Amino acid sequence: MAIDQQKLKHYTWPQSYDKKDSFMVHLPVGNLSALFASVTILKLGLAKSMGLNLSQYMAITLLGANQILSVKELKEALDMPGSSVTFTMDSLEEKGFIVRERSRRDRRQWHLKLTHAGQSLYQQVVQAEKERTDAVLDGFGDNERQVFLKIVEGLTGALSPASTR
């Protein structure tokens, strides 16, 4: 899916958004908003191409990277209401991508993990994201690539749930 750079260049905050209530007020809104919008559009496109919605795509990504998560851990990582996580898990289970297992230590808890089909889908996600990243980085020189990756690492840490709460 091609990202329409013209639309992103002119991206503005929604009228209902109150910038003074956010840490974003001190940041260049256009550039960061365009970056976040680009990433979201990319992930939506990848998700759709795999027959998933964005929350399913993110759940597959998190479960693939972590092997096994409790429902509570996944809920916190996705930053979604419990009912939405349940709906997402139900749909992924129906598609055969995840299984739920009771915790052996605490029978009230459920653990989630990918099935073989889910692991295969996760490998497709990893490959698609690697190809997209490689395509983006191809236009950078070695020094630019290092600086860019350092900036992305810093943004990732600064915007992680632990640092924003």
Protein backbone atom coordinates (compact mmCIF):
# COMPACT_ATOMS: atom_id res chain seq x y z
CA MET A 1 0.00 0.00 0.00
CA ALA A 2 1.52 3.32 -1.02
CA ILE A 3 1.42 6.09 1.56
CA ASP A 4 0.09 9.35 0.20
CA GLN A 5 2.87 11.74 1.25
CA GLN A 6 0.85 14.78 0.15
CA LYS A 7 -1.93 13.95 2.61
CA LEU A 8 0.58 13.38 5.40
CA LYS A 9 2.43 16.62 4.68
CA HIS A 10 -0.72 18.58 5.42
CA TYR A 11 -1.83 16.52 8.41
CA THR A 12 -3.21 18.66 11.24
CA TRP A 13 -4.65 17.94 14.65
CA PRO A 14 -8.38 17.20 14.72
CA GLN A 15 -10.48 20.20 15.77
CA SER A 16 -11.58 18.42 18.95
CA TYR A 17 -7.98 17.80 20.10
CA ASP A 18 -6.77 20.14 22.83
CA LYS A 19 -3.00 20.40 22.33
CA LYS A 20 -2.35 22.11 25.66
CA ASP A 21 -3.45 18.93 27.47
CA SER A 22 -0.68 16.87 25.89
CA PHE A 23 3.09 16.55 25.98
CA MET A 24 2.95 17.00 22.21
CA VAL A 25 2.45 20.77 22.62
CA HIS A 26 6.23 21.20 22.79
CA LEU A 27 6.95 19.09 19.73
CA PRO A 28 6.80 19.98 16.04
CA VAL A 29 3.28 18.75 15.45
CA GLY A 30 3.47 18.38 11.69
CA ASN A 31 6.59 16.20 11.60
CA LEU A 32 5.73 13.85 14.46
CA SER A 33 2.09 13.63 13.46
CA ALA A 34 3.11 12.74 9.93
CA LEU A 35 5.52 10.09 11.25
CA PHE A 36 2.89 8.55 13.55
CA ALA A 37 0.27 8.68 10.81
CA SER A 38 2.69 7.03 8.36
CA VAL A 39 3.44 4.19 10.77
CA THR A 40 -0.24 3.66 11.51
CA ILE A 41 -1.13 3.65 7.81
CA LEU A 42 1.70 1.19 7.13
CA LYS A 43 0.56 -1.17 9.90
CA LEU A 44 -3.08 -0.88 8.80
CA GLY A 45 -2.07 -1.79 5.26
CA LEU A 46 0.01 -4.76 6.39
CA ALA A 47 -2.76 -5.92 8.73
CA LYS A 48 -5.39 -5.67 5.99
CA SER A 49 -3.18 -7.57 3.52
CA MET A 50 -3.04 -10.41 6.07
CA GLY A 51 -6.79 -10.40 6.72
CA LEU A 52 -6.46 -8.76 10.15
CA ASN A 53 -7.55 -5.56 11.81
CA LEU A 54 -4.98 -3.40 13.58
CA SER A 55 -5.59 -4.78 17.10
CA GLN A 56 -5.30 -8.37 15.81
CA TYR A 57 -2.10 -7.46 13.98
CA MET A 58 -0.60 -5.87 17.10
CA ALA A 59 -1.64 -8.87 19.25
CA ILE A 60 0.04 -11.27 16.80
CA THR A 61 3.17 -9.09 16.85
CA LEU A 62 3.29 -8.98 20.66
CA LEU A 63 2.61 -12.69 21.10
CA GLY A 64 5.17 -13.61 18.46
CA ALA A 65 7.85 -11.49 20.08
CA ASN A 66 7.07 -12.70 23.63
CA GLN A 67 6.05 -16.34 22.98
CA ILE A 68 3.44 -16.33 25.77
CA LEU A 69 1.54 -13.55 27.54
CA SER A 70 -1.22 -13.41 30.09
CA VAL A 71 -4.41 -11.70 29.02
CA LYS A 72 -3.58 -8.92 31.52
CA GLU A 73 -0.09 -8.41 30.00
CA LEU A 74 -1.54 -8.24 26.49
CA LYS A 75 -4.25 -5.81 27.64
CA GLU A 76 -1.62 -3.53 29.15
CA ALA A 77 0.66 -3.77 26.12
CA LEU A 78 -2.17 -2.96 23.71
CA ASP A 79 -3.56 -0.29 26.04
CA MET A 80 -7.10 -1.44 25.27
CA PRO A 81 -10.17 -2.08 27.42
CA GLY A 82 -10.61 -5.67 28.58
CA SER A 83 -13.71 -6.18 26.46
CA SER A 84 -11.81 -5.13 23.32
CA VAL A 85 -8.95 -7.51 24.13
CA THR A 86 -11.47 -10.32 24.68
CA PHE A 87 -13.09 -9.58 21.30
CA THR A 88 -9.66 -9.54 19.62
CA MET A 89 -8.63 -12.81 21.28
CA ASP A 90 -11.95 -14.46 20.36
CA SER A 91 -11.49 -13.53 16.70
CA LEU A 92 -7.84 -14.68 16.62
CA GLU A 93 -8.80 -17.94 18.30
CA GLU A 94 -11.62 -18.49 15.76
CA LYS A 95 -9.09 -17.96 12.94
CA GLY A 96 -6.80 -20.54 14.52
CA PHE A 97 -3.93 -18.14 15.28
CA ILE A 98 -3.89 -18.33 19.09
CA VAL A 99 -4.75 -20.68 21.93
CA ARG A 100 -5.69 -19.81 25.49
CA GLU A 101 -4.38 -21.96 28.30
CA ARG A 102 -5.09 -21.72 32.02
CA SER A 103 -2.14 -20.73 34.15
CA ARG A 104 -0.78 -23.66 36.16
CA ARG A 105 0.11 -21.35 39.04
CA ASP A 106 -3.12 -19.33 39.13
CA ARG A 107 -6.14 -21.03 37.58
CA ARG A 108 -7.94 -17.64 37.39
CA GLN A 109 -5.43 -16.44 34.77
CA TRP A 110 -5.26 -17.33 31.10
CA HIS A 111 -2.12 -17.40 29.02
CA LEU A 112 -2.13 -16.74 25.30
CA LYS A 113 0.25 -18.15 22.74
CA LEU A 114 0.43 -18.53 19.00
CA THR A 115 -0.53 -21.76 17.25
CA HIS A 116 1.59 -23.05 14.36
CA ALA A 117 -0.61 -21.01 12.01
CA GLY A 118 -0.13 -17.97 14.26
CA GLN A 119 3.65 -18.46 14.30
CA SER A 120 3.62 -18.68 10.51
CA LEU A 121 1.59 -15.47 10.33
CA TYR A 122 4.00 -13.80 12.78
CA GLN A 123 6.93 -14.73 10.51
CA GLN A 124 5.06 -13.09 7.61
CA VAL A 125 4.61 -9.96 9.75
CA VAL A 126 8.32 -9.89 10.62
CA GLN A 127 9.32 -10.37 6.98
CA ALA A 128 6.90 -7.70 5.71
CA GLU A 129 8.10 -5.18 8.31
CA LYS A 130 11.75 -6.01 7.56
CA GLU A 131 11.18 -5.49 3.83
CA ARG A 132 9.44 -2.16 4.48
CA THR A 133 12.20 -1.01 6.85
CA ASP A 134 14.91 -2.05 4.39
CA ALA A 135 13.14 -0.13 1.63
CA VAL A 136 13.03 3.00 3.79
CA LEU A 137 16.65 2.68 4.91
CA ASP A 138 17.93 2.07 1.36
CA GLY A 139 17.73 5.79 0.72
CA PHE A 140 20.03 6.55 3.68
CA GLY A 141 23.80 6.59 3.80
CA ASP A 142 25.58 4.64 6.56
CA ASN A 143 25.89 7.65 8.89
CA GLU A 144 22.28 8.73 8.27
CA ARG A 145 21.09 5.19 8.94
CA GLN A 146 22.93 5.08 12.29
CA VAL A 147 21.55 8.47 13.34
CA PHE A 148 18.03 7.53 12.25
CA LEU A 149 18.11 4.23 14.14
CA LYS A 150 19.41 6.01 17.25
CA ILE A 151 16.55 8.54 17.03
CA VAL A 152 13.98 5.75 16.56
CA GLU A 153 15.42 3.93 19.56
CA GLY A 154 15.14 7.12 21.65
CA LEU A 155 11.56 7.77 20.51
CA THR A 156 10.59 4.19 21.22
CA GLY A 157 11.92 4.44 24.76
CA ALA A 158 10.42 7.87 25.37
CA LEU A 159 6.99 6.83 24.10
CA SER A 160 6.83 3.42 25.77
CA PRO A 161 3.94 2.94 28.19
CA ALA A 162 6.32 2.82 31.18
CA SER A 163 7.82 6.25 30.40
CA THR A 164 4.54 8.03 29.57
CA ARG A 165 2.68 7.16 32.77
